[in-house]
Amino acid sequence: MMEMYLPRRYVEKHWLPSIGEKLDKIHYREPPPGTGHAELDPNTEYCEVHYDKVNPHQDPLGHLIEDSPETLVALGTGALVYAARKNVGEAILASIGSYAVLKLIKSLF
């Protein structure tokens, strides 16, 4: 995938604050119907941009299905563990564990 960068000032002015996987970055989304996702290192003046299939501000479930299925599986795993055991800690650990395993598998292919 080709890397694309946009100036921080442009993104902060025209894009919407968002959330993302990398917790050490500031995230922005291109306003709908756009699918751009900008990640900003707080110490730089440029945002790294990639494009998803679905904008989560328009269709959160569609975004999870198309662009982040490992997150959807992790949430489902946590919900199932909580439903079975009624233990929030175990549910969170199950979610994190399943997410980590899926990301590892995805990185191998």
Protein backbone atom coordinates (compact mmCIF):
# COMPACT_ATOMS: atom_id res chain seq x y z
CA MET A 1 0.00 0.00 0.00
CA MET A 2 1.31 3.43 -0.89
CA GLU A 3 1.78 5.82 2.01
CA MET A 4 0.04 9.16 1.79
CA TYR A 5 0.52 12.19 4.03
CA LEU A 6 -1.55 15.31 4.61
CA PRO A 7 -0.59 18.44 6.56
CA ARG A 8 -1.69 18.40 10.19
CA ARG A 9 -3.37 21.82 9.91
CA TYR A 10 -5.51 20.70 6.97
CA VAL A 11 -6.65 17.51 8.71
CA GLU A 12 -7.37 19.25 12.03
CA LYS A 13 -9.47 21.86 10.22
CA HIS A 14 -11.41 19.69 7.77
CA TRP A 15 -11.58 16.15 9.19
CA LEU A 16 -13.45 14.75 12.21
CA PRO A 17 -11.77 13.60 15.45
CA SER A 18 -11.98 9.84 15.72
CA ILE A 19 -10.53 6.79 17.43
CA GLY A 20 -8.16 4.16 16.13
CA GLU A 21 -6.06 1.15 16.92
CA LYS A 22 -2.78 2.96 17.62
CA LEU A 23 -3.27 4.53 21.04
CA ASP A 24 -0.15 6.71 20.76
CA LYS A 25 -1.60 8.57 17.74
CA ILE A 26 -4.30 11.19 17.30
CA HIS A 27 -6.94 9.96 14.85
CA TYR A 28 -9.13 11.79 12.35
CA ARG A 29 -11.69 10.64 9.80
CA GLU A 30 -12.54 12.17 6.49
CA PRO A 31 -16.12 13.47 6.68
CA PRO A 32 -18.73 11.14 5.12
CA PRO A 33 -18.96 9.87 2.49
CA GLY A 34 -15.13 9.79 2.53
CA THR A 35 -13.30 6.79 3.96
CA GLY A 36 -9.94 8.36 4.82
CA HIS A 37 -8.37 7.69 8.22
CA ALA A 38 -5.51 9.97 9.30
CA GLU A 39 -3.11 9.05 12.09
CA LEU A 40 -1.13 11.91 13.60
CA ASP A 41 1.96 11.51 15.70
CA PRO A 42 1.57 14.37 18.22
CA ASN A 43 5.18 15.46 17.57
CA THR A 44 4.89 15.90 13.80
CA GLU A 45 3.20 18.22 11.32
CA TYR A 46 1.93 15.55 8.92
CA CYS A 47 -0.73 12.85 9.20
CA GLU A 48 -0.30 9.42 7.67
CA VAL A 49 -3.47 8.56 5.75
CA HIS A 50 -5.01 5.28 4.64
CA TYR A 51 -8.43 4.54 3.21
CA ASP A 52 -10.93 2.07 4.63
CA LYS A 53 -13.80 0.43 2.76
CA VAL A 54 -16.46 1.82 5.13
CA ASN A 55 -16.50 5.06 7.16
CA PRO A 56 -17.28 4.12 10.80
CA HIS A 57 -19.00 7.47 11.37
CA GLN A 58 -21.57 6.40 8.75
CA ASP A 59 -21.81 2.66 9.42
CA PRO A 60 -20.00 1.41 12.56
CA LEU A 61 -20.99 -2.24 12.14
CA GLY A 62 -20.16 -2.23 8.43
CA HIS A 63 -16.75 -0.78 9.26
CA LEU A 64 -16.06 -3.56 11.76
CA ILE A 65 -17.15 -6.23 9.28
CA GLU A 66 -15.22 -4.84 6.29
CA ASP A 67 -12.19 -3.12 7.80
CA SER A 68 -11.63 -4.57 11.26
CA PRO A 69 -13.13 -8.05 11.60
CA GLU A 70 -10.62 -8.92 14.33
CA THR A 71 -12.15 -6.18 16.50
CA LEU A 72 -15.63 -7.57 15.86
CA VAL A 73 -14.49 -11.09 16.82
CA ALA A 74 -12.78 -9.75 19.96
CA LEU A 75 -15.95 -7.92 21.03
CA GLY A 76 -18.02 -11.03 20.39
CA THR A 77 -15.58 -13.19 22.34
CA GLY A 78 -15.73 -10.83 25.30
CA ALA A 79 -19.53 -10.76 25.18
CA LEU A 80 -19.73 -14.56 25.10
CA VAL A 81 -17.29 -14.96 27.99
CA TYR A 82 -19.18 -12.37 30.03
CA ALA A 83 -22.53 -14.04 29.28
CA ALA A 84 -21.17 -17.42 30.38
CA ARG A 85 -19.09 -16.39 33.40
CA LYS A 86 -20.45 -12.97 34.51
CA ASN A 87 -16.87 -11.84 35.10
CA VAL A 88 -15.84 -8.54 33.51
CA GLY A 89 -12.12 -9.16 34.00
CA GLU A 90 -12.23 -12.53 32.26
CA ALA A 91 -14.32 -11.06 29.44
CA ILE A 92 -11.80 -8.25 28.89
CA LEU A 93 -8.87 -10.67 28.93
CA ALA A 94 -10.65 -12.95 26.46
CA SER A 95 -11.30 -9.99 24.14
CA ILE A 96 -7.71 -8.79 24.28
CA GLY A 97 -6.36 -12.30 23.84
CA SER A 98 -8.51 -13.11 20.83
CA TYR A 99 -7.69 -9.74 19.26
CA ALA A 100 -3.95 -10.29 19.73
CA VAL A 101 -4.09 -13.79 18.25
CA LEU A 102 -6.08 -12.62 15.22
CA LYS A 103 -3.71 -9.69 14.60
CA LEU A 104 -0.75 -12.08 14.80
CA ILE A 105 -2.35 -14.48 12.33
CA LYS A 106 -3.26 -11.60 10.01
CA SER A 107 0.35 -10.33 10.07
CA LEU A 108 1.61 -13.72 8.91
CA PHE A 109 -0.40 -13.64 5.69
